[in-house]
Amino acid sequence: MGPMKLYFDIRDIFRAPRLALSGKKIMIMLRGTLIGYAAYWICTAISFTLCGYTLSDMWADYGLYPCLFTVVENAPWYACAVFDLGVLLLIISILDRKSVV
C-alpha cells in the first residue's frame, strides 16, 4: 500500500478510522465494550434492586446508563460493592490488551 493522498478537509474524516485502526481491531474493541457494558448494567441493576428500586423505576429515572452514585446516600454497603464490581468489570473489559491483536 503506497502513500495516501490527503486533502485535509471533510474527505479525510472518512479515511481516519481506516488509517488509525483496522476493521478487526475496531470489532474487537466493540466486542469488549459491549461485554463490559452488559456486565456493568447487570451489576448496576442488581445494586439498584438491593436498594429497593424496581427495574422499571431504574429505567425510567436513569435510562441506558444508570449510576448508583446518584442515590448513594440511601444505598447500603453491599449495593455499593456490587456496583463497584460492575465498574471494575467494565474497566477491565475495555482495557484488556490480550484481545487486541
N, C-alpha and C. Protein backbone atom coordinates (compact mmCIF):
# COMPACT_ATOMS: atom_id res chain seq x y z
N MET A 1 0.84 -1.16 0.00
CA MET A 1 0.00 0.00 0.00
C MET A 1 0.89 1.23 0.00
N GLY A 2 0.75 2.04 -0.99
CA GLY A 2 1.58 3.22 -1.15
C GLY A 2 1.09 4.38 -0.31
N PRO A 3 1.73 5.53 -0.48
CA PRO A 3 1.29 6.70 0.29
C PRO A 3 -0.11 7.14 -0.15
N MET A 4 -0.85 7.62 0.80
CA MET A 4 -2.22 8.03 0.54
C MET A 4 -2.28 9.55 0.40
N LYS A 5 -3.00 10.02 -0.59
CA LYS A 5 -3.14 11.45 -0.80
C LYS A 5 -4.19 12.00 0.17
N LEU A 6 -3.78 12.95 1.01
CA LEU A 6 -4.68 13.57 1.96
C LEU A 6 -5.07 14.95 1.46
N TYR A 7 -6.32 15.32 1.69
CA TYR A 7 -6.85 16.60 1.24
C TYR A 7 -6.97 17.61 2.38
N PHE A 8 -6.92 17.14 3.64
CA PHE A 8 -7.03 17.97 4.83
C PHE A 8 -8.34 18.77 4.85
N ASP A 9 -9.43 18.09 4.47
CA ASP A 9 -10.76 18.66 4.56
C ASP A 9 -11.73 17.55 4.95
N ILE A 10 -12.99 17.73 4.66
CA ILE A 10 -14.03 16.79 5.09
C ILE A 10 -13.83 15.39 4.52
N ARG A 11 -13.19 15.28 3.38
CA ARG A 11 -12.99 13.97 2.76
C ARG A 11 -12.07 13.08 3.59
N ASP A 12 -11.16 13.66 4.34
CA ASP A 12 -10.24 12.88 5.14
C ASP A 12 -10.87 12.33 6.42
N ILE A 13 -11.99 12.87 6.84
CA ILE A 13 -12.65 12.38 8.05
C ILE A 13 -13.06 10.92 7.88
N PHE A 14 -13.51 10.57 6.70
CA PHE A 14 -13.96 9.20 6.47
C PHE A 14 -12.80 8.22 6.32
N ARG A 15 -11.60 8.71 6.07
CA ARG A 15 -10.42 7.85 5.99
C ARG A 15 -9.76 7.65 7.35
N ALA A 16 -10.06 8.47 8.32
CA ALA A 16 -9.38 8.43 9.61
C ALA A 16 -9.49 7.07 10.30
N PRO A 17 -10.68 6.46 10.40
CA PRO A 17 -10.73 5.14 11.04
C PRO A 17 -9.92 4.09 10.28
N ARG A 18 -9.91 4.17 8.97
CA ARG A 18 -9.16 3.20 8.18
C ARG A 18 -7.66 3.38 8.38
N LEU A 19 -7.22 4.61 8.54
CA LEU A 19 -5.81 4.87 8.77
C LEU A 19 -5.40 4.51 10.20
N ALA A 20 -6.29 4.73 11.17
CA ALA A 20 -5.95 4.53 12.57
C ALA A 20 -6.02 3.06 12.98
N LEU A 21 -7.08 2.38 12.60
CA LEU A 21 -7.31 1.02 13.05
C LEU A 21 -7.83 0.18 11.91
N SER A 22 -7.55 -1.09 11.99
CA SER A 22 -8.14 -2.00 11.03
C SER A 22 -9.55 -2.36 11.49
N GLY A 23 -10.33 -2.92 10.60
CA GLY A 23 -11.68 -3.34 10.96
C GLY A 23 -11.69 -4.40 12.04
N LYS A 24 -10.67 -5.25 12.03
CA LYS A 24 -10.57 -6.31 13.04
C LYS A 24 -10.40 -5.71 14.43
N LYS A 25 -9.54 -4.70 14.57
CA LYS A 25 -9.32 -4.08 15.88
C LYS A 25 -10.55 -3.32 16.34
N ILE A 26 -11.24 -2.68 15.42
CA ILE A 26 -12.46 -1.95 15.79
C ILE A 26 -13.51 -2.93 16.30
N MET A 27 -13.67 -4.07 15.65
CA MET A 27 -14.66 -5.06 16.08
C MET A 27 -14.29 -5.68 17.42
N ILE A 28 -12.99 -5.90 17.66
CA ILE A 28 -12.56 -6.46 18.94
C ILE A 28 -12.84 -5.47 20.07
N MET A 29 -12.54 -4.19 19.83
CA MET A 29 -12.81 -3.18 20.86
C MET A 29 -14.31 -3.01 21.08
N LEU A 30 -15.10 -3.11 20.02
CA LEU A 30 -16.55 -3.02 20.16
C LEU A 30 -17.07 -4.19 20.98
N ARG A 31 -16.54 -5.36 20.72
CA ARG A 31 -16.97 -6.54 21.48
C ARG A 31 -16.63 -6.38 22.96
N GLY A 32 -15.41 -5.93 23.27
CA GLY A 32 -15.02 -5.73 24.66
C GLY A 32 -15.86 -4.67 25.36
N THR A 33 -16.19 -3.61 24.63
CA THR A 33 -17.01 -2.55 25.20
C THR A 33 -18.42 -3.04 25.46
N LEU A 34 -18.99 -3.79 24.54
CA LEU A 34 -20.35 -4.30 24.74
C LEU A 34 -20.42 -5.31 25.88
N ILE A 35 -19.41 -6.18 25.98
CA ILE A 35 -19.38 -7.15 27.08
C ILE A 35 -19.23 -6.44 28.41
N GLY A 36 -18.36 -5.43 28.46
CA GLY A 36 -18.19 -4.66 29.69
C GLY A 36 -19.43 -3.90 30.06
N TYR A 37 -20.11 -3.32 29.07
CA TYR A 37 -21.34 -2.59 29.35
C TYR A 37 -22.41 -3.54 29.88
N ALA A 38 -22.51 -4.73 29.30
CA ALA A 38 -23.51 -5.70 29.77
C ALA A 38 -23.23 -6.09 31.23
N ALA A 39 -21.96 -6.33 31.55
CA ALA A 39 -21.61 -6.68 32.94
C ALA A 39 -21.90 -5.51 33.88
N TYR A 40 -21.57 -4.29 33.44
CA TYR A 40 -21.85 -3.10 34.24
C TYR A 40 -23.34 -2.93 34.47
N TRP A 41 -24.15 -3.10 33.42
CA TRP A 41 -25.58 -2.89 33.54
C TRP A 41 -26.22 -3.93 34.45
N ILE A 42 -25.78 -5.17 34.35
CA ILE A 42 -26.33 -6.24 35.20
C ILE A 42 -25.99 -5.97 36.67
N CYS A 43 -24.73 -5.63 36.94
CA CYS A 43 -24.33 -5.34 38.32
C CYS A 43 -25.04 -4.10 38.86
N THR A 44 -25.21 -3.10 38.02
CA THR A 44 -25.92 -1.90 38.45
C THR A 44 -27.39 -2.20 38.72
N ALA A 45 -28.01 -3.02 37.88
CA ALA A 45 -29.40 -3.40 38.11
C ALA A 45 -29.55 -4.17 39.42
N ILE A 46 -28.60 -5.04 39.70
CA ILE A 46 -28.64 -5.78 40.97
C ILE A 46 -28.47 -4.82 42.15
N SER A 47 -27.56 -3.87 42.02
CA SER A 47 -27.34 -2.93 43.12
C SER A 47 -28.55 -2.02 43.34
N PHE A 48 -29.22 -1.59 42.27
CA PHE A 48 -30.43 -0.81 42.43
C PHE A 48 -31.53 -1.65 43.07
N THR A 49 -31.60 -2.92 42.70
CA THR A 49 -32.60 -3.82 43.30
C THR A 49 -32.33 -3.99 44.79
N LEU A 50 -31.05 -4.07 45.16
CA LEU A 50 -30.71 -4.18 46.58
C LEU A 50 -31.06 -2.91 47.35
N CYS A 51 -31.12 -1.77 46.66
CA CYS A 51 -31.51 -0.50 47.29
C CYS A 51 -33.01 -0.33 47.38
N GLY A 52 -33.78 -1.21 46.74
CA GLY A 52 -35.22 -1.12 46.80
C GLY A 52 -35.87 -0.56 45.56
N TYR A 53 -35.11 -0.28 44.54
CA TYR A 53 -35.67 0.19 43.27
C TYR A 53 -36.15 -1.00 42.45
N THR A 54 -37.14 -0.76 41.60
CA THR A 54 -37.51 -1.77 40.62
C THR A 54 -36.77 -1.46 39.32
N LEU A 55 -36.71 -2.44 38.43
CA LEU A 55 -36.03 -2.22 37.16
C LEU A 55 -36.73 -1.17 36.31
N SER A 56 -38.05 -1.12 36.39
CA SER A 56 -38.77 -0.11 35.63
C SER A 56 -38.51 1.30 36.17
N ASP A 57 -38.40 1.45 37.49
CA ASP A 57 -38.05 2.75 38.06
C ASP A 57 -36.63 3.15 37.66
N MET A 58 -35.72 2.18 37.70
CA MET A 58 -34.34 2.46 37.30
C MET A 58 -34.29 2.90 35.84
N TRP A 59 -35.01 2.20 34.99
CA TRP A 59 -35.03 2.54 33.57
C TRP A 59 -35.66 3.92 33.32
N ALA A 60 -36.75 4.21 34.02
CA ALA A 60 -37.42 5.48 33.84
C ALA A 60 -36.58 6.66 34.33
N ASP A 61 -35.85 6.46 35.42
CA ASP A 61 -35.07 7.55 36.00
C ASP A 61 -33.71 7.74 35.33
N TYR A 62 -33.05 6.64 34.93
CA TYR A 62 -31.65 6.73 34.50
C TYR A 62 -31.38 6.26 33.08
N GLY A 63 -32.29 5.57 32.45
CA GLY A 63 -32.14 5.18 31.05
C GLY A 63 -31.07 4.14 30.80
N LEU A 64 -30.31 4.34 29.72
CA LEU A 64 -29.34 3.34 29.28
C LEU A 64 -28.10 3.23 30.15
N TYR A 65 -27.76 4.28 30.88
CA TYR A 65 -26.51 4.27 31.63
C TYR A 65 -26.76 4.67 33.08
N PRO A 66 -27.33 3.75 33.87
CA PRO A 66 -27.64 4.07 35.27
C PRO A 66 -26.37 4.16 36.11
N CYS A 67 -26.43 4.96 37.15
CA CYS A 67 -25.30 5.13 38.06
C CYS A 67 -25.83 5.16 39.49
N LEU A 68 -25.24 4.36 40.34
CA LEU A 68 -25.70 4.26 41.73
C LEU A 68 -25.29 5.47 42.55
N PHE A 69 -24.28 6.21 42.12
CA PHE A 69 -23.79 7.34 42.92
C PHE A 69 -24.82 8.43 43.11
N THR A 70 -25.84 8.47 42.27
CA THR A 70 -26.87 9.49 42.44
C THR A 70 -27.80 9.18 43.61
N VAL A 71 -27.84 7.93 44.05
CA VAL A 71 -28.67 7.54 45.20
C VAL A 71 -27.81 6.96 46.32
N VAL A 72 -26.56 7.33 46.36
CA VAL A 72 -25.62 6.69 47.28
C VAL A 72 -25.94 6.98 48.75
N GLU A 73 -26.65 8.06 49.05
CA GLU A 73 -26.98 8.34 50.46
C GLU A 73 -27.95 7.31 51.02
N ASN A 74 -28.71 6.64 50.16
CA ASN A 74 -29.64 5.60 50.62
C ASN A 74 -29.12 4.20 50.38
N ALA A 75 -27.98 4.06 49.74
CA ALA A 75 -27.50 2.74 49.33
C ALA A 75 -26.74 2.05 50.46
N PRO A 76 -27.05 0.78 50.73
CA PRO A 76 -26.26 0.03 51.70
C PRO A 76 -24.89 -0.33 51.12
N TRP A 77 -23.99 -0.76 51.98
CA TRP A 77 -22.61 -1.02 51.55
C TRP A 77 -22.54 -2.15 50.53
N TYR A 78 -23.38 -3.15 50.67
CA TYR A 78 -23.30 -4.29 49.74
C TYR A 78 -23.80 -3.90 48.35
N ALA A 79 -24.73 -2.97 48.25
CA ALA A 79 -25.16 -2.47 46.94
C ALA A 79 -24.03 -1.68 46.28
N CYS A 80 -23.31 -0.90 47.08
CA CYS A 80 -22.15 -0.17 46.55
C CYS A 80 -21.06 -1.13 46.10
N ALA A 81 -20.88 -2.24 46.82
CA ALA A 81 -19.86 -3.22 46.44
C ALA A 81 -20.22 -3.89 45.11
N VAL A 82 -21.49 -4.20 44.90
CA VAL A 82 -21.90 -4.80 43.63
C VAL A 82 -21.74 -3.80 42.49
N PHE A 83 -22.08 -2.54 42.74
CA PHE A 83 -21.90 -1.50 41.72
C PHE A 83 -20.42 -1.33 41.39
N ASP A 84 -19.56 -1.31 42.41
CA ASP A 84 -18.12 -1.18 42.18
C ASP A 84 -17.58 -2.37 41.39
N LEU A 85 -18.11 -3.55 41.63
CA LEU A 85 -17.71 -4.72 40.85
C LEU A 85 -18.08 -4.53 39.38
N GLY A 86 -19.25 -4.00 39.11
CA GLY A 86 -19.65 -3.73 37.73
C GLY A 86 -18.76 -2.72 37.04
N VAL A 87 -18.38 -1.65 37.76
CA VAL A 87 -17.47 -0.66 37.20
C VAL A 87 -16.11 -1.28 36.92
N LEU A 88 -15.64 -2.11 37.84
CA LEU A 88 -14.35 -2.79 37.65
C LEU A 88 -14.39 -3.72 36.44
N LEU A 89 -15.47 -4.46 36.27
CA LEU A 89 -15.59 -5.34 35.11
C LEU A 89 -15.63 -4.55 33.80
N LEU A 90 -16.30 -3.40 33.81
CA LEU A 90 -16.33 -2.54 32.63
C LEU A 90 -14.93 -2.05 32.28
N ILE A 91 -14.19 -1.59 33.27
CA ILE A 91 -12.84 -1.09 33.02
C ILE A 91 -11.92 -2.20 32.54
N ILE A 92 -12.01 -3.37 33.15
CA ILE A 92 -11.17 -4.49 32.74
C ILE A 92 -11.47 -4.91 31.31
N SER A 93 -12.73 -4.97 30.95
CA SER A 93 -13.07 -5.41 29.59
C SER A 93 -12.65 -4.41 28.54
N ILE A 94 -12.67 -3.11 28.86
CA ILE A 94 -12.23 -2.11 27.90
C ILE A 94 -10.71 -2.10 27.78
N LEU A 95 -10.02 -2.28 28.89
CA LEU A 95 -8.57 -2.19 28.88
C LEU A 95 -7.86 -3.51 28.64
N ASP A 96 -8.60 -4.56 28.33
CA ASP A 96 -7.99 -5.87 28.10
C ASP A 96 -7.11 -5.81 26.85
N ARG A 97 -5.81 -5.95 27.04
CA ARG A 97 -4.87 -5.83 25.94
C ARG A 97 -4.63 -7.17 25.22
N LYS A 98 -5.01 -8.27 25.84
CA LYS A 98 -4.77 -9.57 25.20
C LYS A 98 -5.63 -9.77 23.97
N SER A 99 -6.81 -9.16 23.94
CA SER A 99 -7.72 -9.41 22.83
C SER A 99 -7.42 -8.53 21.61
N VAL A 100 -6.68 -7.45 21.79
CA VAL A 100 -6.36 -6.57 20.67
C VAL A 100 -5.06 -7.05 20.02
N VAL A 101 -5.19 -7.52 18.79
CA VAL A 101 -4.03 -8.08 18.09
C VAL A 101 -3.42 -7.05 17.19
